[in-house]
């Protein structure tokens, strides 16, 4: 599961339990950070036919603050298979006597979060067979790249929320 987290130093650990600071942190997570991350995840599936939905779960303790973003809904497995990759496996027909497919496929995404590269369409000769030994799918690593790209932004949002909370305590 993708996770963004920040550990607190001693000064901040004492401040997290202050009601004003905790409220400001929770508001920042709900109103700014969670929607931002869900939007980033939705960008990756914007042109998918079968899109998963994304939800986020926040956790604020005296030691750390973290956000877990995860796919939900009917197409969760498509996200997991694409983002984390698959091992080699055998595919057999389920609803028909033969598998029918074209031999080549030009993937729209490439490993390490490069998307929009190909056209996402099959090409080549049409083949019918009883089973196929699929070589597996290379992980696109969407989750890791989103986390890496947004790490600084996340830290800045948390710092700003702490500052707002501390100002609220001083009033």
C-alpha atoms as a PDB file:
ATOM      1  CA  UNK A   1       0.000   0.000   0.000  1.00  0.00           C
ATOM      2  CA  UNK A   2       1.441   3.402  -0.850  1.00  0.00           C
ATOM      3  CA  UNK A   3       2.267   5.415   2.194  1.00  0.00           C
ATOM      4  CA  UNK A   4       3.458   8.923   2.842  1.00  0.00           C
ATOM      5  CA  UNK A   5       4.658   9.560   6.371  1.00  0.00           C
ATOM      6  CA  UNK A   6       6.550  12.060   8.475  1.00  0.00           C
ATOM      7  CA  UNK A   7       8.114  11.286  11.844  1.00  0.00           C
ATOM      8  CA  UNK A   8       8.073  14.058  14.432  1.00  0.00           C
ATOM      9  CA  UNK A   9      10.926  15.434  16.473  1.00  0.00           C
ATOM     10  CA  UNK A  10      10.538  15.946  20.242  1.00  0.00           C
ATOM     11  CA  UNK A  11       9.222  19.502  19.984  1.00  0.00           C
ATOM     12  CA  UNK A  12       6.469  18.500  17.601  1.00  0.00           C
ATOM     13  CA  UNK A  13       5.530  15.389  19.568  1.00  0.00           C
ATOM     14  CA  UNK A  14       4.516  17.603  22.474  1.00  0.00           C
ATOM     15  CA  UNK A  15       2.503  19.896  20.192  1.00  0.00           C
ATOM     16  CA  UNK A  16       0.488  17.175  18.397  1.00  0.00           C
ATOM     17  CA  UNK A  17      -1.691  16.553  21.451  1.00  0.00           C
ATOM     18  CA  UNK A  18      -2.642  20.225  21.726  1.00  0.00           C
ATOM     19  CA  UNK A  19      -6.304  20.339  20.614  1.00  0.00           C
ATOM     20  CA  UNK A  20      -5.824  23.354  18.331  1.00  0.00           C
ATOM     21  CA  UNK A  21      -2.803  21.860  16.561  1.00  0.00           C
ATOM     22  CA  UNK A  22      -4.421  18.435  16.195  1.00  0.00           C
ATOM     23  CA  UNK A  23      -7.579  20.004  14.717  1.00  0.00           C
ATOM     24  CA  UNK A  24      -5.561  22.037  12.202  1.00  0.00           C
ATOM     25  CA  UNK A  25      -3.549  18.955  11.199  1.00  0.00           C
ATOM     26  CA  UNK A  26      -6.714  16.877  10.732  1.00  0.00           C
ATOM     27  CA  UNK A  27      -8.336  19.648   8.685  1.00  0.00           C
ATOM     28  CA  UNK A  28      -5.246  19.936   6.464  1.00  0.00           C
ATOM     29  CA  UNK A  29      -5.241  16.174   5.898  1.00  0.00           C
ATOM     30  CA  UNK A  30      -8.966  16.033   5.058  1.00  0.00           C
ATOM     31  CA  UNK A  31      -9.361  19.218   3.033  1.00  0.00           C
ATOM     32  CA  UNK A  32      -6.019  19.568   1.237  1.00  0.00           C
ATOM     33  CA  UNK A  33      -3.711  16.556   1.402  1.00  0.00           C
ATOM     34  CA  UNK A  34      -6.114  13.638   0.872  1.00  0.00           C
ATOM     35  CA  UNK A  35      -7.861  15.247  -2.145  1.00  0.00           C
ATOM     36  CA  UNK A  36      -4.490  16.177  -3.648  1.00  0.00           C
ATOM     37  CA  UNK A  37      -3.154  12.609  -3.442  1.00  0.00           C
ATOM     38  CA  UNK A  38      -6.369  11.068  -4.754  1.00  0.00           C
ATOM     39  CA  UNK A  39      -6.191  13.484  -7.694  1.00  0.00           C
ATOM     40  CA  UNK A  40      -2.588  12.387  -8.382  1.00  0.00           C
ATOM     41  CA  UNK A  41      -3.638   8.736  -8.397  1.00  0.00           C
ATOM     42  CA  UNK A  42      -6.614   9.484 -10.654  1.00  0.00           C
ATOM     43  CA  UNK A  43      -4.276  11.165 -13.172  1.00  0.00           C
ATOM     44  CA  UNK A  44      -2.597   7.790 -13.713  1.00  0.00           C
ATOM     45  CA  UNK A  45      -5.879   6.125 -14.686  1.00  0.00           C
ATOM     46  CA  UNK A  46      -7.489   9.057 -16.519  1.00  0.00           C
ATOM     47  CA  UNK A  47      -7.650   7.254 -19.858  1.00  0.00           C
ATOM     48  CA  UNK A  48      -8.313   3.716 -18.567  1.00  0.00           C
ATOM     49  CA  UNK A  49     -11.589   2.060 -19.611  1.00  0.00           C
ATOM     50  CA  UNK A  50     -11.883   0.182 -16.317  1.00  0.00           C
ATOM     51  CA  UNK A  51     -10.756   2.624 -13.633  1.00  0.00           C
ATOM     52  CA  UNK A  52     -10.334   1.800  -9.974  1.00  0.00           C
ATOM     53  CA  UNK A  53     -11.506   4.288  -7.385  1.00  0.00           C
ATOM     54  CA  UNK A  54      -9.089   5.544  -4.732  1.00  0.00           C
ATOM     55  CA  UNK A  55      -9.544   6.222  -1.053  1.00  0.00           C
ATOM     56  CA  UNK A  56      -7.141   7.523   1.557  1.00  0.00           C
ATOM     57  CA  UNK A  57      -6.770   6.799   5.244  1.00  0.00           C
ATOM     58  CA  UNK A  58      -4.978   9.216   7.564  1.00  0.00           C
ATOM     59  CA  UNK A  59      -3.325   8.511  10.891  1.00  0.00           C
ATOM     60  CA  UNK A  60      -2.057  11.159  13.287  1.00  0.00           C
ATOM     61  CA  UNK A  61      -0.183  10.049  16.406  1.00  0.00           C
ATOM     62  CA  UNK A  62       2.359  11.677  18.705  1.00  0.00           C
ATOM     63  CA  UNK A  63       5.175   9.993  16.731  1.00  0.00           C
ATOM     64  CA  UNK A  64       4.111  10.454  13.119  1.00  0.00           C
ATOM     65  CA  UNK A  65       1.497  11.491  10.625  1.00  0.00           C
ATOM     66  CA  UNK A  66       0.812   9.260   7.631  1.00  0.00           C
ATOM     67  CA  UNK A  67      -1.517   8.878   4.707  1.00  0.00           C
ATOM     68  CA  UNK A  68      -2.290   5.560   3.001  1.00  0.00           C
ATOM     69  CA  UNK A  69      -3.866   5.704  -0.467  1.00  0.00           C
ATOM     70  CA  UNK A  70      -5.384   2.520  -1.863  1.00  0.00           C
ATOM     71  CA  UNK A  71      -7.542   1.384  -4.799  1.00  0.00           C
ATOM     72  CA  UNK A  72     -11.142   0.267  -4.240  1.00  0.00           C
ATOM     73  CA  UNK A  73     -14.014  -0.978  -6.341  1.00  0.00           C
ATOM     74  CA  UNK A  74     -14.431  -3.530  -9.095  1.00  0.00           C
ATOM     75  CA  UNK A  75     -11.161  -2.747 -10.884  1.00  0.00           C
ATOM     76  CA  UNK A  76      -8.784  -2.784  -7.926  1.00  0.00           C
ATOM     77  CA  UNK A  77      -6.837  -5.741  -9.333  1.00  0.00           C
ATOM     78  CA  UNK A  78      -6.110  -3.901 -12.595  1.00  0.00           C
ATOM     79  CA  UNK A  79      -4.347  -1.172 -10.626  1.00  0.00           C
ATOM     80  CA  UNK A  80      -2.409  -3.674  -8.518  1.00  0.00           C
ATOM     81  CA  UNK A  81      -1.342  -5.742 -11.546  1.00  0.00           C
ATOM     82  CA  UNK A  82      -0.272  -2.664 -13.492  1.00  0.00           C
ATOM     83  CA  UNK A  83       1.419  -0.723 -10.716  1.00  0.00           C
ATOM     84  CA  UNK A  84       3.084  -3.634  -8.917  1.00  0.00           C
ATOM     85  CA  UNK A  85       3.520  -5.982 -11.887  1.00  0.00           C
ATOM     86  CA  UNK A  86       2.760  -9.684 -12.260  1.00  0.00           C
ATOM     87  CA  UNK A  87       4.806 -12.872 -12.293  1.00  0.00           C
ATOM     88  CA  UNK A  88       4.817 -15.189 -15.308  1.00  0.00           C
ATOM     89  CA  UNK A  89       1.565 -17.154 -15.440  1.00  0.00           C
ATOM     90  CA  UNK A  90      -0.586 -19.344 -17.682  1.00  0.00           C
ATOM     91  CA  UNK A  91      -3.829 -17.983 -19.113  1.00  0.00           C
ATOM     92  CA  UNK A  92      -6.608 -20.358 -20.163  1.00  0.00           C
ATOM     93  CA  UNK A  93     -10.001 -19.538 -21.706  1.00  0.00           C
ATOM     94  CA  UNK A  94     -12.908 -19.234 -19.282  1.00  0.00           C
ATOM     95  CA  UNK A  95     -15.980 -18.337 -21.349  1.00  0.00           C
ATOM     96  CA  UNK A  96     -14.922 -19.682 -24.763  1.00  0.00           C
ATOM     97  CA  UNK A  97     -13.109 -22.741 -26.119  1.00  0.00           C
ATOM     98  CA  UNK A  98     -10.112 -20.697 -27.346  1.00  0.00           C
ATOM     99  CA  UNK A  99      -8.196 -17.579 -26.414  1.00  0.00           C
ATOM    100  CA  UNK A 100      -8.139 -15.087 -29.278  1.00  0.00           C
ATOM    101  CA  UNK A 101      -5.743 -12.159 -29.325  1.00  0.00           C
ATOM    102  CA  UNK A 102      -3.354 -10.184 -31.468  1.00  0.00           C
ATOM    103  CA  UNK A 103       0.337 -10.996 -31.102  1.00  0.00           C
ATOM    104  CA  UNK A 104       1.706  -7.537 -30.275  1.00  0.00           C
ATOM    105  CA  UNK A 105       0.621  -4.894 -27.811  1.00  0.00           C
ATOM    106  CA  UNK A 106       1.878  -1.331 -27.558  1.00  0.00           C
ATOM    107  CA  UNK A 107       1.468  -0.480 -23.851  1.00  0.00           C
ATOM    108  CA  UNK A 108       0.360   3.028 -22.967  1.00  0.00           C
ATOM    109  CA  UNK A 109       2.521   3.018 -19.848  1.00  0.00           C
ATOM    110  CA  UNK A 110       6.105   1.960 -19.193  1.00  0.00           C
ATOM    111  CA  UNK A 111       7.858   0.987 -15.951  1.00  0.00           C
ATOM    112  CA  UNK A 112       8.742   3.699 -13.476  1.00  0.00           C
ATOM    113  CA  UNK A 113       5.654   5.787 -14.060  1.00  0.00           C
ATOM    114  CA  UNK A 114       6.078   6.804 -17.677  1.00  0.00           C
ATOM    115  CA  UNK A 115       2.602   7.031 -19.101  1.00  0.00           C
ATOM    116  CA  UNK A 116       1.227   8.224 -22.406  1.00  0.00           C
ATOM    117  CA  UNK A 117       4.099   6.493 -24.248  1.00  0.00           C
ATOM    118  CA  UNK A 118       2.179   4.064 -26.470  1.00  0.00           C
ATOM    119  CA  UNK A 119      -1.304   3.945 -27.931  1.00  0.00           C
ATOM    120  CA  UNK A 120      -2.541   1.113 -25.687  1.00  0.00           C
ATOM    121  CA  UNK A 121      -3.693  -1.011 -28.614  1.00  0.00           C
ATOM    122  CA  UNK A 122      -3.026  -4.512 -29.905  1.00  0.00           C
ATOM    123  CA  UNK A 123      -1.354  -4.976 -33.292  1.00  0.00           C
ATOM    124  CA  UNK A 124      -0.282  -7.869 -35.487  1.00  0.00           C
ATOM    125  CA  UNK A 125      -1.754 -11.199 -36.511  1.00  0.00           C
ATOM    126  CA  UNK A 126      -4.819 -12.661 -34.789  1.00  0.00           C
ATOM    127  CA  UNK A 127      -4.103 -15.940 -32.973  1.00  0.00           C
ATOM    128  CA  UNK A 128      -6.418 -18.556 -31.407  1.00  0.00           C
ATOM    129  CA  UNK A 129      -5.017 -21.019 -28.855  1.00  0.00           C
ATOM    130  CA  UNK A 130      -5.990 -23.179 -25.862  1.00  0.00           C
ATOM    131  CA  UNK A 131      -3.623 -21.483 -23.410  1.00  0.00           C
ATOM    132  CA  UNK A 132      -0.832 -18.918 -23.240  1.00  0.00           C
ATOM    133  CA  UNK A 133       2.221 -18.684 -21.026  1.00  0.00           C
ATOM    134  CA  UNK A 134       2.231 -14.964 -20.201  1.00  0.00           C
ATOM    135  CA  UNK A 135       5.719 -13.602 -19.380  1.00  0.00           C
ATOM    136  CA  UNK A 136       4.367 -11.325 -16.645  1.00  0.00           C
ATOM    137  CA  UNK A 137       4.045  -7.571 -16.506  1.00  0.00           C
ATOM    138  CA  UNK A 138       6.789  -5.179 -15.428  1.00  0.00           C
ATOM    139  CA  UNK A 139       5.738  -3.013 -12.506  1.00  0.00           C
ATOM    140  CA  UNK A 140       4.853   0.558 -13.489  1.00  0.00           C
ATOM    141  CA  UNK A 141       5.559   1.701  -9.909  1.00  0.00           C
ATOM    142  CA  UNK A 142       2.899   4.416  -9.939  1.00  0.00           C
ATOM    143  CA  UNK A 143       2.629   4.422  -6.153  1.00  0.00           C
ATOM    144  CA  UNK A 144       6.343   4.848  -5.485  1.00  0.00           C
ATOM    145  CA  UNK A 145       6.739   7.606  -8.030  1.00  0.00           C
ATOM    146  CA  UNK A 146       3.741   9.566  -6.713  1.00  0.00           C
ATOM    147  CA  UNK A 147       5.142   9.272  -3.192  1.00  0.00           C
ATOM    148  CA  UNK A 148       8.599  10.409  -4.334  1.00  0.00           C
ATOM    149  CA  UNK A 149       7.267  13.305  -6.430  1.00  0.00           C
ATOM    150  CA  UNK A 150       4.970  14.604  -3.685  1.00  0.00           C
ATOM    151  CA  UNK A 151       7.199  14.073  -0.626  1.00  0.00           C
ATOM    152  CA  UNK A 152       8.360  17.697  -0.416  1.00  0.00           C
ATOM    153  CA  UNK A 153       4.855  19.034  -1.013  1.00  0.00           C
ATOM    154  CA  UNK A 154       3.487  16.768   1.765  1.00  0.00           C
ATOM    155  CA  UNK A 155       6.147  17.922   4.248  1.00  0.00           C
ATOM    156  CA  UNK A 156       5.444  21.571   3.399  1.00  0.00           C
ATOM    157  CA  UNK A 157       1.701  21.113   3.972  1.00  0.00           C
ATOM    158  CA  UNK A 158       2.331  19.500   7.373  1.00  0.00           C
ATOM    159  CA  UNK A 159       4.792  22.260   8.354  1.00  0.00           C
ATOM    160  CA  UNK A 160       2.265  24.925   7.374  1.00  0.00           C
ATOM    161  CA  UNK A 161      -0.473  23.181   9.361  1.00  0.00           C
ATOM    162  CA  UNK A 162       1.789  23.065  12.429  1.00  0.00           C
ATOM    163  CA  UNK A 163       2.485  26.795  12.075  1.00  0.00           C
ATOM    164  CA  UNK A 164      -1.231  27.577  11.776  1.00  0.00           C
ATOM    165  CA  UNK A 165      -1.934  25.428  14.821  1.00  0.00           C
ATOM    166  CA  UNK A 166       0.772  27.092  16.895  1.00  0.00           C
ATOM    167  CA  UNK A 167      -0.531  30.549  15.900  1.00  0.00           C
ATOM    168  CA  UNK A 168      -3.999  29.369  16.959  1.00  0.00           C
ATOM    169  CA  UNK A 169      -2.642  28.351  20.381  1.00  0.00           C
ATOM    170  CA  UNK A 170      -1.068  31.782  20.905  1.00  0.00           C
ATOM    171  CA  UNK A 171      -4.328  33.678  20.391  1.00  0.00           C
END
